[in-house]
Amino acid sequence: MSSKNVDLGKNGESIAATHALANGYNVIAKNVRTPAGEIDLILEKDGTLVFAEVKTRSGYSYGFPEEAITESKLQHMIDAATHYLIELNPIPDWRLDVISIELYQGKRTQPVIHWIENVSADR
């Protein structure tokens, strides 16, 4: 992955965390590594843990950010969340969310944020 893509991803994660805080979420952790992969953001609101995958795009050539969540990526998200939850006792309510950030150049200067809750009911 190029450093430009890494910078874009980190920028998107920062925007997502700020947006989450502004909407009443607590940011528990960022970039948590598990044996199954990395969790971008772990958030909490009203007793529910939210494992958030942040996808950021700066152009349309690869589609909308949320389109990058494939079946395989979704399984990695489930596996990573499961590894994290194993350490907790008791296991709280939880869900998987995708936060899509669009940072396109041009007339629109503010990022467009789409927060997709509970992307999988299959736990």
PDB file of N, CA and C in Angstrom:
ATOM      1  N   MET A   1       0.842  -1.169   0.000  1.00  0.00           N
ATOM      2  CA  MET A   1       0.000   0.000   0.000  1.00  0.00           C
ATOM      3  C   MET A   1       0.890   1.236   0.000  1.00  0.00           C
ATOM      4  N   SER A   2       0.574   2.185  -0.836  1.00  0.00           N
ATOM      5  CA  SER A   2       1.411   3.386  -0.942  1.00  0.00           C
ATOM      6  C   SER A   2       1.209   4.289   0.276  1.00  0.00           C
ATOM      7  N   SER A   3       2.202   5.135   0.518  1.00  0.00           N
ATOM      8  CA  SER A   3       2.093   6.053   1.657  1.00  0.00           C
ATOM      9  C   SER A   3       0.939   7.028   1.455  1.00  0.00           C
ATOM     10  N   LYS A   4       0.613   7.341   0.200  1.00  0.00           N
ATOM     11  CA  LYS A   4      -0.534   8.211  -0.091  1.00  0.00           C
ATOM     12  C   LYS A   4      -1.824   7.545   0.390  1.00  0.00           C
ATOM     13  N   ASN A   5      -1.963   6.236   0.137  1.00  0.00           N
ATOM     14  CA  ASN A   5      -3.149   5.506   0.577  1.00  0.00           C
ATOM     15  C   ASN A   5      -3.204   5.396   2.095  1.00  0.00           C
ATOM     16  N   VAL A   6      -2.047   5.174   2.728  1.00  0.00           N
ATOM     17  CA  VAL A   6      -1.989   5.103   4.185  1.00  0.00           C
ATOM     18  C   VAL A   6      -2.415   6.438   4.785  1.00  0.00           C
ATOM     19  N   ASP A   7      -1.885   7.540   4.237  1.00  0.00           N
ATOM     20  CA  ASP A   7      -2.251   8.875   4.720  1.00  0.00           C
ATOM     21  C   ASP A   7      -3.749   9.134   4.537  1.00  0.00           C
ATOM     22  N   LEU A   8      -4.302   8.731   3.399  1.00  0.00           N
ATOM     23  CA  LEU A   8      -5.730   8.897   3.134  1.00  0.00           C
ATOM     24  C   LEU A   8      -6.541   8.120   4.165  1.00  0.00           C
ATOM     25  N   GLY A   9      -6.133   6.886   4.427  1.00  0.00           N
ATOM     26  CA  GLY A   9      -6.831   6.058   5.405  1.00  0.00           C
ATOM     27  C   GLY A   9      -6.764   6.635   6.805  1.00  0.00           C
ATOM     28  N   LYS A  10      -5.603   7.100   7.216  1.00  0.00           N
ATOM     29  CA  LYS A  10      -5.447   7.698   8.549  1.00  0.00           C
ATOM     30  C   LYS A  10      -6.282   8.974   8.672  1.00  0.00           C
ATOM     31  N   ASN A  11      -6.315   9.764   7.612  1.00  0.00           N
ATOM     32  CA  ASN A  11      -7.137  10.969   7.601  1.00  0.00           C
ATOM     33  C   ASN A  11      -8.616  10.603   7.758  1.00  0.00           C
ATOM     34  N   GLY A  12      -9.051   9.596   7.023  1.00  0.00           N
ATOM     35  CA  GLY A  12     -10.438   9.145   7.129  1.00  0.00           C
ATOM     36  C   GLY A  12     -10.778   8.643   8.520  1.00  0.00           C
ATOM     37  N   GLU A  13      -9.855   7.894   9.130  1.00  0.00           N
ATOM     38  CA  GLU A  13     -10.089   7.385  10.484  1.00  0.00           C
ATOM     39  C   GLU A  13     -10.200   8.530  11.489  1.00  0.00           C
ATOM     40  N   SER A  14      -9.394   9.565  11.306  1.00  0.00           N
ATOM     41  CA  SER A  14      -9.455  10.733  12.189  1.00  0.00           C
ATOM     42  C   SER A  14     -10.798  11.450  12.040  1.00  0.00           C
ATOM     43  N   ILE A  15     -11.248  11.614  10.807  1.00  0.00           N
ATOM     44  CA  ILE A  15     -12.550  12.240  10.540  1.00  0.00           C
ATOM     45  C   ILE A  15     -13.665  11.404  11.162  1.00  0.00           C
ATOM     46  N   ALA A  16     -13.589  10.087  10.998  1.00  0.00           N
ATOM     47  CA  ALA A  16     -14.615   9.191  11.542  1.00  0.00           C
ATOM     48  C   ALA A  16     -14.653   9.269  13.069  1.00  0.00           C
ATOM     49  N   ALA A  17     -13.497   9.287  13.716  1.00  0.00           N
ATOM     50  CA  ALA A  17     -13.448   9.361  15.180  1.00  0.00           C
ATOM     51  C   ALA A  17     -14.044  10.681  15.673  1.00  0.00           C
ATOM     52  N   THR A  18     -13.710  11.775  15.009  1.00  0.00           N
ATOM     53  CA  THR A  18     -14.258  13.083  15.374  1.00  0.00           C
ATOM     54  C   THR A  18     -15.769  13.099  15.200  1.00  0.00           C
ATOM     55  N   HIS A  19     -16.238  12.521  14.103  1.00  0.00           N
ATOM     56  CA  HIS A  19     -17.683  12.443  13.831  1.00  0.00           C
ATOM     57  C   HIS A  19     -18.381  11.590  14.898  1.00  0.00           C
ATOM     58  N   ALA A  20     -17.755  10.480  15.285  1.00  0.00           N
ATOM     59  CA  ALA A  20     -18.330   9.614  16.313  1.00  0.00           C
ATOM     60  C   ALA A  20     -18.462  10.364  17.643  1.00  0.00           C
ATOM     61  N   LEU A  21     -17.409  11.058  18.034  1.00  0.00           N
ATOM     62  CA  LEU A  21     -17.448  11.841  19.282  1.00  0.00           C
ATOM     63  C   LEU A  21     -18.562  12.884  19.244  1.00  0.00           C
ATOM     64  N   ALA A  22     -18.712  13.537  18.109  1.00  0.00           N
ATOM     65  CA  ALA A  22     -19.740  14.576  17.956  1.00  0.00           C
ATOM     66  C   ALA A  22     -21.151  13.990  18.023  1.00  0.00           C
ATOM     67  N   ASN A  23     -21.268  12.686  17.798  1.00  0.00           N
ATOM     68  CA  ASN A  23     -22.566  12.020  17.822  1.00  0.00           C
ATOM     69  C   ASN A  23     -22.769  11.166  19.067  1.00  0.00           C
ATOM     70  N   GLY A  24     -22.002  11.455  20.118  1.00  0.00           N
ATOM     71  CA  GLY A  24     -22.236  10.823  21.405  1.00  0.00           C
ATOM     72  C   GLY A  24     -21.555   9.499  21.655  1.00  0.00           C
ATOM     73  N   TYR A  25     -20.650   9.099  20.780  1.00  0.00           N
ATOM     74  CA  TYR A  25     -19.898   7.859  20.984  1.00  0.00           C
ATOM     75  C   TYR A  25     -18.634   8.143  21.779  1.00  0.00           C
ATOM     76  N   ASN A  26     -18.191   7.167  22.536  1.00  0.00           N
ATOM     77  CA  ASN A  26     -16.880   7.204  23.174  1.00  0.00           C
ATOM     78  C   ASN A  26     -15.925   6.426  22.289  1.00  0.00           C
ATOM     79  N   VAL A  27     -14.752   6.971  22.052  1.00  0.00           N
ATOM     80  CA  VAL A  27     -13.734   6.243  21.292  1.00  0.00           C
ATOM     81  C   VAL A  27     -12.931   5.422  22.302  1.00  0.00           C
ATOM     82  N   ILE A  28     -13.074   4.110  22.230  1.00  0.00           N
ATOM     83  CA  ILE A  28     -12.398   3.194  23.148  1.00  0.00           C
ATOM     84  C   ILE A  28     -10.968   2.928  22.678  1.00  0.00           C
ATOM     85  N   ALA A  29     -10.814   2.709  21.367  1.00  0.00           N
ATOM     86  CA  ALA A  29      -9.485   2.399  20.828  1.00  0.00           C
ATOM     87  C   ALA A  29      -9.466   2.642  19.328  1.00  0.00           C
ATOM     88  N   LYS A  30      -8.241   2.842  18.813  1.00  0.00           N
ATOM     89  CA  LYS A  30      -8.025   3.012  17.375  1.00  0.00           C
ATOM     90  C   LYS A  30      -6.966   2.015  16.931  1.00  0.00           C
ATOM     91  N   ASN A  31      -7.136   1.502  15.741  1.00  0.00           N
ATOM     92  CA  ASN A  31      -6.153   0.629  15.100  1.00  0.00           C
ATOM     93  C   ASN A  31      -5.710  -0.516  16.009  1.00  0.00           C
ATOM     94  N   VAL A  32      -6.673  -1.281  16.482  1.00  0.00           N
ATOM     95  CA  VAL A  32      -6.409  -2.414  17.364  1.00  0.00           C
ATOM     96  C   VAL A  32      -6.051  -3.626  16.513  1.00  0.00           C
ATOM     97  N   ARG A  33      -4.905  -4.208  16.807  1.00  0.00           N
ATOM     98  CA  ARG A  33      -4.463  -5.398  16.079  1.00  0.00           C
ATOM     99  C   ARG A  33      -4.884  -6.650  16.831  1.00  0.00           C
ATOM    100  N   THR A  34      -5.483  -7.579  16.092  1.00  0.00           N
ATOM    101  CA  THR A  34      -5.850  -8.887  16.635  1.00  0.00           C
ATOM    102  C   THR A  34      -5.235  -9.938  15.712  1.00  0.00           C
ATOM    103  N   PRO A  35      -5.227 -11.204  16.128  1.00  0.00           N
ATOM    104  CA  PRO A  35      -4.722 -12.251  15.231  1.00  0.00           C
ATOM    105  C   PRO A  35      -5.492 -12.334  13.905  1.00  0.00           C
ATOM    106  N   ALA A  36      -6.717 -11.826  13.883  1.00  0.00           N
ATOM    107  CA  ALA A  36      -7.543 -11.883  12.669  1.00  0.00           C
ATOM    108  C   ALA A  36      -7.450 -10.623  11.827  1.00  0.00           C
ATOM    109  N   GLY A  37      -6.728  -9.615  12.306  1.00  0.00           N
ATOM    110  CA  GLY A  37      -6.608  -8.376  11.549  1.00  0.00           C
ATOM    111  C   GLY A  37      -6.861  -7.164  12.424  1.00  0.00           C
ATOM    112  N   GLU A  38      -6.791  -6.005  11.799  1.00  0.00           N
ATOM    113  CA  GLU A  38      -6.916  -4.741  12.513  1.00  0.00           C
ATOM    114  C   GLU A  38      -8.360  -4.268  12.568  1.00  0.00           C
ATOM    115  N   ILE A  39      -8.707  -3.666  13.708  1.00  0.00           N
ATOM    116  CA  ILE A  39     -10.001  -3.000  13.878  1.00  0.00           C
ATOM    117  C   ILE A  39      -9.705  -1.497  13.846  1.00  0.00           C
ATOM    118  N   ASP A  40     -10.314  -0.784  12.904  1.00  0.00           N
ATOM    119  CA  ASP A  40     -10.019   0.644  12.755  1.00  0.00           C
ATOM    120  C   ASP A  40     -10.407   1.435  13.990  1.00  0.00           C
ATOM    121  N   LEU A  41     -11.665   1.309  14.417  1.00  0.00           N
ATOM    122  CA  LEU A  41     -12.150   2.041  15.585  1.00  0.00           C
ATOM    123  C   LEU A  41     -13.013   1.126  16.435  1.00  0.00           C
ATOM    124  N   ILE A  42     -12.831   1.223  17.745  1.00  0.00           N
ATOM    125  CA  ILE A  42     -13.761   0.582  18.673  1.00  0.00           C
ATOM    126  C   ILE A  42     -14.418   1.720  19.426  1.00  0.00           C
ATOM    127  N   LEU A  43     -15.735   1.771  19.302  1.00  0.00           N
ATOM    128  CA  LEU A  43     -16.532   2.842  19.881  1.00  0.00           C
ATOM    129  C   LEU A  43     -17.507   2.252  20.886  1.00  0.00           C
ATOM    130  N   GLU A  44     -18.079   3.119  21.710  1.00  0.00           N
ATOM    131  CA  GLU A  44     -19.091   2.673  22.666  1.00  0.00           C
ATOM    132  C   GLU A  44     -20.148   3.752  22.783  1.00  0.00           C
ATOM    133  N   LYS A  45     -21.390   3.299  22.799  1.00  0.00           N
ATOM    134  CA  LYS A  45     -22.507   4.221  23.031  1.00  0.00           C
ATOM    135  C   LYS A  45     -23.651   3.424  23.648  1.00  0.00           C
ATOM    136  N   ASP A  46     -24.159   3.925  24.735  1.00  0.00           N
ATOM    137  CA  ASP A  46     -25.298   3.302  25.414  1.00  0.00           C
ATOM    138  C   ASP A  46     -25.063   1.824  25.723  1.00  0.00           C
ATOM    139  N   GLY A  47     -23.846   1.486  26.127  1.00  0.00           N
ATOM    140  CA  GLY A  47     -23.535   0.120  26.522  1.00  0.00           C
ATOM    141  C   GLY A  47     -23.268  -0.848  25.387  1.00  0.00           C
ATOM    142  N   THR A  48     -23.277  -0.363  24.158  1.00  0.00           N
ATOM    143  CA  THR A  48     -23.005  -1.215  22.997  1.00  0.00           C
ATOM    144  C   THR A  48     -21.634  -0.884  22.432  1.00  0.00           C
ATOM    145  N   LEU A  49     -20.809  -1.932  22.245  1.00  0.00           N
ATOM    146  CA  LEU A  49     -19.520  -1.744  21.574  1.00  0.00           C
ATOM    147  C   LEU A  49     -19.750  -1.752  20.073  1.00  0.00           C
ATOM    148  N   VAL A  50     -19.078  -0.857  19.388  1.00  0.00           N
ATOM    149  CA  VAL A  50     -19.182  -0.771  17.934  1.00  0.00           C
ATOM    150  C   VAL A  50     -17.788  -0.961  17.357  1.00  0.00           C
ATOM    151  N   PHE A  51     -17.646  -1.976  16.521  1.00  0.00           N
ATOM    152  CA  PHE A  51     -16.403  -2.225  15.804  1.00  0.00           C
ATOM    153  C   PHE A  51     -16.593  -1.612  14.424  1.00  0.00           C
ATOM    154  N   ALA A  52     -15.862  -0.538  14.171  1.00  0.00           N
ATOM    155  CA  ALA A  52     -16.085   0.225  12.942  1.00  0.00           C
ATOM    156  C   ALA A  52     -14.928   0.061  11.967  1.00  0.00           C
ATOM    157  N   GLU A  53     -15.274  -0.274  10.753  1.00  0.00           N
ATOM    158  CA  GLU A  53     -14.333  -0.289   9.634  1.00  0.00           C
ATOM    159  C   GLU A  53     -14.516   1.033   8.910  1.00  0.00           C
ATOM    160  N   VAL A  54     -13.422   1.766   8.728  1.00  0.00           N
ATOM    161  CA  VAL A  54     -13.484   3.057   8.052  1.00  0.00           C
ATOM    162  C   VAL A  54     -12.913   2.887   6.643  1.00  0.00           C
ATOM    163  N   LYS A  55     -13.682   3.283   5.661  1.00  0.00           N
ATOM    164  CA  LYS A  55     -13.239   3.240   4.266  1.00  0.00           C
ATOM    165  C   LYS A  55     -13.286   4.650   3.707  1.00  0.00           C
ATOM    166  N   THR A  56     -12.177   5.083   3.134  1.00  0.00           N
ATOM    167  CA  THR A  56     -12.053   6.453   2.645  1.00  0.00           C
ATOM    168  C   THR A  56     -11.658   6.442   1.171  1.00  0.00           C
ATOM    169  N   ARG A  57     -12.256   7.327   0.402  1.00  0.00           N
ATOM    170  CA  ARG A  57     -11.910   7.475  -1.009  1.00  0.00           C
ATOM    171  C   ARG A  57     -11.749   8.952  -1.329  1.00  0.00           C
ATOM    172  N   SER A  58     -10.874   9.230  -2.287  1.00  0.00           N
ATOM    173  CA  SER A  58     -10.687  10.605  -2.752  1.00  0.00           C
ATOM    174  C   SER A  58     -11.092  10.752  -4.210  1.00  0.00           C
ATOM    175  N   GLY A  59     -11.702   9.752  -4.775  1.00  0.00           N
ATOM    176  CA  GLY A  59     -12.167   9.784  -6.152  1.00  0.00           C
ATOM    177  C   GLY A  59     -13.105   8.620  -6.405  1.00  0.00           C
ATOM    178  N   TYR A  60     -13.750   8.615  -7.543  1.00  0.00           N
ATOM    179  CA  TYR A  60     -14.729   7.577  -7.868  1.00  0.00           C
ATOM    180  C   TYR A  60     -14.142   6.412  -8.665  1.00  0.00           C
ATOM    181  N   SER A  61     -12.861   6.453  -9.003  1.00  0.00           N
ATOM    182  CA  SER A  61     -12.301   5.423  -9.876  1.00  0.00           C
ATOM    183  C   SER A  61     -12.397   4.016  -9.282  1.00  0.00           C
ATOM    184  N   TYR A  62     -12.450   3.887  -7.965  1.00  0.00           N
ATOM    185  CA  TYR A  62     -12.590   2.576  -7.322  1.00  0.00           C
ATOM    186  C   TYR A  62     -13.969   2.388  -6.707  1.00  0.00           C
ATOM    187  N   GLY A  63     -14.911   3.251  -7.061  1.00  0.00           N
ATOM    188  CA  GLY A  63     -16.264   3.147  -6.526  1.00  0.00           C
ATOM    189  C   GLY A  63     -16.403   3.874  -5.203  1.00  0.00           C
ATOM    190  N   PHE A  64     -17.566   3.709  -4.599  1.00  0.00           N
ATOM    191  CA  PHE A  64     -17.827   4.324  -3.305  1.00  0.00           C
ATOM    192  C   PHE A  64     -17.072   3.558  -2.224  1.00  0.00           C
ATOM    193  N   PRO A  65     -16.690   4.228  -1.147  1.00  0.00           N
ATOM    194  CA  PRO A  65     -15.875   3.569  -0.116  1.00  0.00           C
ATOM    195  C   PRO A  65     -16.506   2.297   0.432  1.00  0.00           C
ATOM    196  N   GLU A  66     -17.797   2.330   0.701  1.00  0.00           N
ATOM    197  CA  GLU A  66     -18.455   1.166   1.301  1.00  0.00           C
ATOM    198  C   GLU A  66     -18.484  -0.050   0.378  1.00  0.00           C
ATOM    199  N   GLU A  67     -18.281   0.169  -0.907  1.00  0.00           N
ATOM    200  CA  GLU A  67     -18.250  -0.953  -1.850  1.00  0.00           C
ATOM    201  C   GLU A  67     -17.014  -1.832  -1.657  1.00  0.00           C
ATOM    202  N   ALA A  68     -16.052  -1.354  -0.866  1.00  0.00           N
ATOM    203  CA  ALA A  68     -14.846  -2.141  -0.585  1.00  0.00           C
ATOM    204  C   ALA A  68     -15.088  -3.202   0.486  1.00  0.00           C
ATOM    205  N   ILE A  69     -16.271  -3.211   1.083  1.00  0.00           N
ATOM    206  CA  ILE A  69     -16.580  -4.221   2.093  1.00  0.00           C
ATOM    207  C   ILE A  69     -17.118  -5.456   1.372  1.00  0.00           C
ATOM    208  N   THR A  70     -16.200  -6.360   1.095  1.00  0.00           N
ATOM    209  CA  THR A  70     -16.549  -7.617   0.434  1.00  0.00           C
ATOM    210  C   THR A  70     -16.962  -8.639   1.482  1.00  0.00           C
ATOM    211  N   GLU A  71     -17.450  -9.772   1.025  1.00  0.00           N
ATOM    212  CA  GLU A  71     -17.794 -10.857   1.937  1.00  0.00           C
ATOM    213  C   GLU A  71     -16.573 -11.279   2.759  1.00  0.00           C
ATOM    214  N   SER A  72     -15.426 -11.334   2.105  1.00  0.00           N
ATOM    215  CA  SER A  72     -14.184 -11.691   2.783  1.00  0.00           C
ATOM    216  C   SER A  72     -13.813 -10.652   3.838  1.00  0.00           C
ATOM    217  N   LYS A  73     -13.927  -9.364   3.510  1.00  0.00           N
ATOM    218  CA  LYS A  73     -13.611  -8.299   4.464  1.00  0.00           C
ATOM    219  C   LYS A  73     -14.570  -8.353   5.643  1.00  0.00           C
ATOM    220  N   LEU A  74     -15.839  -8.615   5.371  1.00  0.00           N
ATOM    221  CA  LEU A  74     -16.827  -8.719   6.434  1.00  0.00           C
ATOM    222  C   LEU A  74     -16.474  -9.866   7.384  1.00  0.00           C
ATOM    223  N   GLN A  75     -16.021 -10.974   6.838  1.00  0.00           N
ATOM    224  CA  GLN A  75     -15.617 -12.100   7.685  1.00  0.00           C
ATOM    225  C   GLN A  75     -14.404 -11.726   8.534  1.00  0.00           C
ATOM    226  N   HIS A  76     -13.453 -10.982   7.975  1.00  0.00           N
ATOM    227  CA  HIS A  76     -12.297 -10.500   8.756  1.00  0.00           C
ATOM    228  C   HIS A  76     -12.756  -9.587   9.895  1.00  0.00           C
ATOM    229  N   MET A  77     -13.759  -8.737   9.617  1.00  0.00           N
ATOM    230  CA  MET A  77     -14.288  -7.855  10.657  1.00  0.00           C
ATOM    231  C   MET A  77     -14.901  -8.669  11.799  1.00  0.00           C
ATOM    232  N   ILE A  78     -15.678  -9.683  11.443  1.00  0.00           N
ATOM    233  CA  ILE A  78     -16.305 -10.547  12.449  1.00  0.00           C
ATOM    234  C   ILE A  78     -15.239 -11.264  13.268  1.00  0.00           C
ATOM    235  N   ASP A  79     -14.245 -11.816  12.586  1.00  0.00           N
ATOM    236  CA  ASP A  79     -13.181 -12.555  13.271  1.00  0.00           C
ATOM    237  C   ASP A  79     -12.382 -11.649  14.208  1.00  0.00           C
ATOM    238  N   ALA A  80     -12.049 -10.439  13.761  1.00  0.00           N
ATOM    239  CA  ALA A  80     -11.282  -9.512  14.598  1.00  0.00           C
ATOM    240  C   ALA A  80     -12.097  -9.097  15.821  1.00  0.00           C
ATOM    241  N   ALA A  81     -13.370  -8.797  15.625  1.00  0.00           N
ATOM    242  CA  ALA A  81     -14.236  -8.427  16.755  1.00  0.00           C
ATOM    243  C   ALA A  81     -14.337  -9.578  17.746  1.00  0.00           C
ATOM    244  N   THR A  82     -14.464 -10.789  17.242  1.00  0.00           N
ATOM    245  CA  THR A  82     -14.560 -11.966  18.107  1.00  0.00           C
ATOM    246  C   THR A  82     -13.299 -12.122  18.951  1.00  0.00           C
ATOM    247  N   HIS A  83     -12.142 -11.931  18.349  1.00  0.00           N
ATOM    248  CA  HIS A  83     -10.882 -12.010  19.106  1.00  0.00           C
ATOM    249  C   HIS A  83     -10.848 -10.968  20.216  1.00  0.00           C
ATOM    250  N   TYR A  84     -11.305  -9.771  19.926  1.00  0.00           N
ATOM    251  CA  TYR A  84     -11.316  -8.708  20.922  1.00  0.00           C
ATOM    252  C   TYR A  84     -12.287  -9.052  22.051  1.00  0.00           C
ATOM    253  N   LEU A  85     -13.459  -9.562  21.692  1.00  0.00           N
ATOM    254  CA  LEU A  85     -14.503  -9.840  22.677  1.00  0.00           C
ATOM    255  C   LEU A  85     -14.136 -10.981  23.629  1.00  0.00           C
ATOM    256  N   ILE A  86     -13.286 -11.888  23.178  1.00  0.00           N
ATOM    257  CA  ILE A  86     -12.885 -13.024  24.013  1.00  0.00           C
ATOM    258  C   ILE A  86     -12.286 -12.547  25.337  1.00  0.00           C
ATOM    259  N   GLU A  87     -11.624 -11.393  25.309  1.00  0.00           N
ATOM    260  CA  GLU A  87     -10.955 -10.858  26.503  1.00  0.00           C
ATOM    261  C   GLU A  87     -11.927 -10.205  27.488  1.00  0.00           C
ATOM    262  N   LEU A  88     -13.173  -9.965  27.078  1.00  0.00           N
ATOM    263  CA  LEU A  88     -14.113  -9.246  27.930  1.00  0.00           C
ATOM    264  C   LEU A  88     -15.020 -10.212  28.677  1.00  0.00           C
ATOM    265  N   ASN A  89     -15.350  -9.835  29.912  1.00  0.00           N
ATOM    266  CA  ASN A  89     -16.254 -10.654  30.695  1.00  0.00           C
ATOM    267  C   ASN A  89     -17.063  -9.722  31.584  1.00  0.00           C
ATOM    268  N   PRO A  90     -18.344  -9.624  31.429  1.00  0.00           N
ATOM    269  CA  PRO A  90     -19.149 -10.312  30.432  1.00  0.00           C
ATOM    270  C   PRO A  90     -19.019  -9.647  29.059  1.00  0.00           C
ATOM    271  N   ILE A  91     -19.440 -10.349  28.037  1.00  0.00           N
ATOM    272  CA  ILE A  91     -19.401  -9.801  26.681  1.00  0.00           C
ATOM    273  C   ILE A  91     -20.585  -8.841  26.518  1.00  0.00           C
ATOM    274  N   PRO A  92     -20.306  -7.586  26.183  1.00  0.00           N
ATOM    275  CA  PRO A  92     -21.390  -6.600  26.025  1.00  0.00           C
ATOM    276  C   PRO A  92     -22.119  -6.789  24.692  1.00  0.00           C
ATOM    277  N   ASP A  93     -23.218  -6.063  24.550  1.00  0.00           N
ATOM    278  CA  ASP A  93     -23.854  -5.990  23.236  1.00  0.00           C
ATOM    279  C   ASP A  93     -22.848  -5.359  22.285  1.00  0.00           C
ATOM    280  N   TRP A  94     -22.885  -5.788  21.028  1.00  0.00           N
ATOM    281  CA  TRP A  94     -21.930  -5.247  20.061  1.00  0.00           C
ATOM    282  C   TRP A  94     -22.501  -5.334  18.658  1.00  0.00           C
ATOM    283  N   ARG A  95     -21.863  -4.577  17.763  1.00  0.00           N
ATOM    284  CA  ARG A  95     -22.263  -4.617  16.359  1.00  0.00           C
ATOM    285  C   ARG A  95     -21.078  -4.187  15.501  1.00  0.00           C
ATOM    286  N   LEU A  96     -21.205  -4.443  14.208  1.00  0.00           N
ATOM    287  CA  LEU A  96     -20.207  -4.035  13.221  1.00  0.00           C
ATOM    288  C   LEU A  96     -20.795  -2.918  12.375  1.00  0.00           C
ATOM    289  N   ASP A  97     -20.046  -1.825  12.257  1.00  0.00           N
ATOM    290  CA  ASP A  97     -20.475  -0.698  11.434  1.00  0.00           C
ATOM    291  C   ASP A  97     -19.404  -0.393  10.389  1.00  0.00           C
ATOM    292  N   VAL A  98     -19.819   0.247   9.327  1.00  0.00           N
ATOM    293  CA  VAL A  98     -18.894   0.763   8.320  1.00  0.00           C
ATOM    294  C   VAL A  98     -19.099   2.272   8.251  1.00  0.00           C
ATOM    295  N   ILE A  99     -17.991   2.996   8.341  1.00  0.00           N
ATOM    296  CA  ILE A  99     -18.048   4.450   8.203  1.00  0.00           C
ATOM    297  C   ILE A  99     -17.333   4.792   6.900  1.00  0.00           C
ATOM    298  N   SER A 100     -18.100   5.312   5.971  1.00  0.00           N
ATOM    299  CA  SER A 100     -17.621   5.648   4.635  1.00  0.00           C
ATOM    300  C   SER A 100     -17.330   7.145   4.566  1.00  0.00           C
ATOM    301  N   ILE A 101     -16.103   7.476   4.142  1.00  0.00           N
ATOM    302  CA  ILE A 101     -15.682   8.880   4.065  1.00  0.00           C
ATOM    303  C   ILE A 101     -15.326   9.189   2.608  1.00  0.00           C
ATOM    304  N   GLU A 102     -15.958  10.212   2.066  1.00  0.00           N
ATOM    305  CA  GLU A 102     -15.653  10.667   0.712  1.00  0.00           C
ATOM    306  C   GLU A 102     -14.963  12.023   0.799  1.00  0.00           C
ATOM    307  N   LEU A 103     -13.729  12.081   0.320  1.00  0.00           N
ATOM    308  CA  LEU A 103     -12.930  13.316   0.349  1.00  0.00           C
ATOM    309  C   LEU A 103     -12.620  13.750  -1.076  1.00  0.00           C
ATOM    310  N   TYR A 104     -13.626  14.196  -1.796  1.00  0.00           N
ATOM    311  CA  TYR A 104     -13.430  14.539  -3.190  1.00  0.00           C
ATOM    312  C   TYR A 104     -13.056  16.000  -3.351  1.00  0.00           C
ATOM    313  N   GLN A 105     -12.205  16.259  -4.303  1.00  0.00           N
ATOM    314  CA  GLN A 105     -11.782  17.622  -4.608  1.00  0.00           C
ATOM    315  C   GLN A 105     -12.888  18.313  -5.401  1.00  0.00           C
ATOM    316  N   GLY A 106     -12.796  19.605  -5.500  1.00  0.00           N
ATOM    317  CA  GLY A 106     -13.765  20.353  -6.288  1.00  0.00           C
ATOM    318  C   GLY A 106     -14.585  21.284  -5.427  1.00  0.00           C
ATOM    319  N   LYS A 107     -15.840  21.444  -5.800  1.00  0.00           N
ATOM    320  CA  LYS A 107     -16.711  22.400  -5.117  1.00  0.00           C
ATOM    321  C   LYS A 107     -17.016  21.998  -3.678  1.00  0.00           C
ATOM    322  N   ARG A 108     -17.057  20.698  -3.416  1.00  0.00           N
ATOM    323  CA  ARG A 108     -17.400  20.218  -2.074  1.00  0.00           C
ATOM    324  C   ARG A 108     -16.126  20.147  -1.234  1.00  0.00           C
ATOM    325  N   THR A 109     -16.065  20.928  -0.178  1.00  0.00           N
ATOM    326  CA  THR A 109     -14.856  20.950   0.648  1.00  0.00           C
ATOM    327  C   THR A 109     -14.994  20.102   1.906  1.00  0.00           C
ATOM    328  N   GLN A 110     -16.210  19.846   2.348  1.00  0.00           N
ATOM    329  CA  GLN A 110     -16.429  19.028   3.537  1.00  0.00           C
ATOM    330  C   GLN A 110     -16.530  17.555   3.149  1.00  0.00           C
ATOM    331  N   PRO A 111     -16.000  16.668   3.975  1.00  0.00           N
ATOM    332  CA  PRO A 111     -16.136  15.242   3.664  1.00  0.00           C
ATOM    333  C   PRO A 111     -17.602  14.808   3.747  1.00  0.00           C
ATOM    334  N   VAL A 112     -17.942  13.836   2.941  1.00  0.00           N
ATOM    335  CA  VAL A 112     -19.269  13.230   3.002  1.00  0.00           C
ATOM    336  C   VAL A 112     -19.115  11.944   3.809  1.00  0.00           C
ATOM    337  N   ILE A 113     -19.906  11.830   4.864  1.00  0.00           N
ATOM    338  CA  ILE A 113     -19.798  10.694   5.774  1.00  0.00           C
ATOM    339  C   ILE A 113     -21.091   9.890   5.724  1.00  0.00           C
ATOM    340  N   HIS A 114     -20.956   8.603   5.447  1.00  0.00           N
ATOM    341  CA  HIS A 114     -22.083   7.670   5.489  1.00  0.00           C
ATOM    342  C   HIS A 114     -21.763   6.641   6.569  1.00  0.00           C
ATOM    343  N   TRP A 115     -22.607   6.554   7.572  1.00  0.00           N
ATOM    344  CA  TRP A 115     -22.401   5.612   8.675  1.00  0.00           C
ATOM    345  C   TRP A 115     -23.421   4.499   8.503  1.00  0.00           C
ATOM    346  N   ILE A 116     -22.938   3.308   8.235  1.00  0.00           N
ATOM    347  CA  ILE A 116     -23.809   2.163   7.995  1.00  0.00           C
ATOM    348  C   ILE A 116     -23.738   1.268   9.231  1.00  0.00           C
ATOM    349  N   GLU A 117     -24.830   1.198   9.974  1.00  0.00           N
ATOM    350  CA  GLU A 117     -24.872   0.433  11.219  1.00  0.00           C
ATOM    351  C   GLU A 117     -25.203  -1.030  10.971  1.00  0.00           C
ATOM    352  N   ASN A 118     -24.629  -1.874  11.841  1.00  0.00           N
ATOM    353  CA  ASN A 118     -24.978  -3.296  11.911  1.00  0.00           C
ATOM    354  C   ASN A 118     -24.892  -3.983  10.548  1.00  0.00           C
ATOM    355  N   VAL A 119     -23.704  -3.954   9.966  1.00  0.00           N
ATOM    356  CA  VAL A 119     -23.530  -4.507   8.622  1.00  0.00           C
ATOM    357  C   VAL A 119     -23.668  -6.022   8.570  1.00  0.00           C
ATOM    358  N   SER A 120     -23.665  -6.659   9.742  1.00  0.00           N
ATOM    359  CA  SER A 120     -23.876  -8.104   9.754  1.00  0.00           C
ATOM    360  C   SER A 120     -24.623  -8.509  11.005  1.00  0.00           C
ATOM    361  N   ALA A 121     -25.732  -9.178  10.805  1.00  0.00           N
ATOM    362  CA  ALA A 121     -26.452  -9.720  11.941  1.00  0.00           C
ATOM    363  C   ALA A 121     -25.997 -11.141  12.230  1.00  0.00           C
ATOM    364  N   ASP A 122     -25.118 -11.657  11.364  1.00  0.00           N
ATOM    365  CA  ASP A 122     -24.609 -13.022  11.493  1.00  0.00           C
ATOM    366  C   ASP A 122     -23.357 -13.012  12.351  1.00  0.00           C
ATOM    367  N   ARG A 123     -23.498 -13.285  13.623  1.00  0.00           N
ATOM    368  CA  ARG A 123     -22.351 -13.289  14.530  1.00  0.00           C
ATOM    369  C   ARG A 123     -22.064 -14.702  14.917  1.00  0.00           C
TER     370      ARG A 123
END
